């Protein structure tokens, strides 16, 4: 250009001439239209939008830094190289501006929209185990996650109230039965081991008062009494109790009256060797006290006998109430348990030391108590007759048949509620959470088994012969007693002295109401074994009706 100045032209003319002659040299010095650099993108000031390509008709193209949610991308076209702002795709985000790339969503998060500033955590019930996910993966059916943002399928677990019975790594959730507490992510392995990798709060446990076997840990059974089963892991029993439902003691041991544990049989066997002769002697003595000469005035002895009879009747009712499925207060339940002996529940007195732990043998031994008592009374009556023929003692008088019948009748009257309860025990089946049923008195004997059928035959036979039979005899006597009185059949009347022992002469028939009360109370327990409201309603109705009749 300096050599052009020698022409003598002005500087302006020289410059113009040079530009015209050297366009190839200076044209590259001019900025390209829409030329942007990294971190920026083409922007239309007219439409106020970022451009995806050069627009020849748009003269208001500038460059602006890419905003959050976008990144700067290189664009090469026929006009050269520039940069444009593109939105971050699904599964990625960009929180800052002027960025050259987008960040992928971390594990446990997702983003299903474009141009996002952040990612969302996976909701409960879903997880994401890879980066850059646009959607979370759902947990298998029946499972969920405990928190947001789960990062692995291992975070999925069965929902609370259900348990995973599949092997590790797979899922098969089933509902937990009543009596089994299943927190979130419960597994069958955790139930058996009593431990969980998630911590102690996630260990499934059997509740106190329930039991499952090691072979079938999900088949829940309800224990009676509740204190026999401490709960926790399957197969656990309390204080040396063993077997299904923790219902029996080890060989050579027996249950105690004071607790649900066991003790050695030695003292119990000695006790029975003492009790049996005492009871036999008591029955003999009872003959003489129940057949004393009748006097018109009440005596202290007679008052004591009546009080004892009322007490026995009350204890029978209290013991029957204890057999109900109703949840009574602890104090009342304890008192009721302590008087179960009046229903011949003799396990706490070491009966199993004599009969063994088999429920059938234990029940048959209890059923035989009343027949054995009657046999003993009539055997002693026969003995006194034979003895009277052999010896001629002036002071000795053989037993009379009608007095012997009266003694037996009084014993059956006092024990009528007990006989009814004993006879109906094979019919008292309560339901377990797994829909099986057990006898209330012998929980380890399941209803429907062969042994239960034998018990039912024995119980129904005892019910027919002794319970119903005794009521029929008493009804016959009550119907004929006026005729016996007028016809002077003194011995027949004396055979049923127990009719009038506690009642006015004009109300001798009320003994039938007393017998029906004891029978009906036991029947109420049978009818409503699995329906506690029905039991209490029937029992209340029976007591109310009895009170009305008594008044």
Foldseek 3Di string as FASTA:
>chain_A
DVVLVVVVDDPVVSVVVVCVVPVVVCVVVDDFQQAADQQKFKAQPVVRGTDPDDDPVGPRIDIDGAAWQWGWDWDQDPRGIHITIDGAAWQWTGQGISHHDTGGAQWQWTAQHISHHHTGGAAWQFTGQHTSHHHTHGAPPQWTADGTSHHDNVRIAHAWQWEAEDDPPDGDIDGAFPQKGAHTRHYPVLQQVVDDPVGNVHRIKGQQQWADAPVGQRQIFGAVPSNQGHIGHHQDGPAQQHDVSSQAHDPQWFAALVDRHIDGLPVLVVVVVVVVVVVLVVLVVLLDVLQDDDDPDDDPVLVVVVVVLVVLLVLLLLLLVLLAPDDDPPVSNSVSSNSVVLLVLCRNSNLCNVQPPDPLSSLVVSLCPLVVSLVSLVVQLVVLVVVVVVDPDPPRDGDDPLSSLQSSLLVCLSSLLSLLLSLCQLLLWEATSSGWTAGSSRRNHTPPDPSSVVSNVSSVVSCVCRNVVSLVVLVVCVVCVVVCVVVVVVSSCSSNVVLPSNHPPVVSVCSSLSSVLSNQLSVLCSVCRHPNVSSVVSNVVSVVVNVVVVD
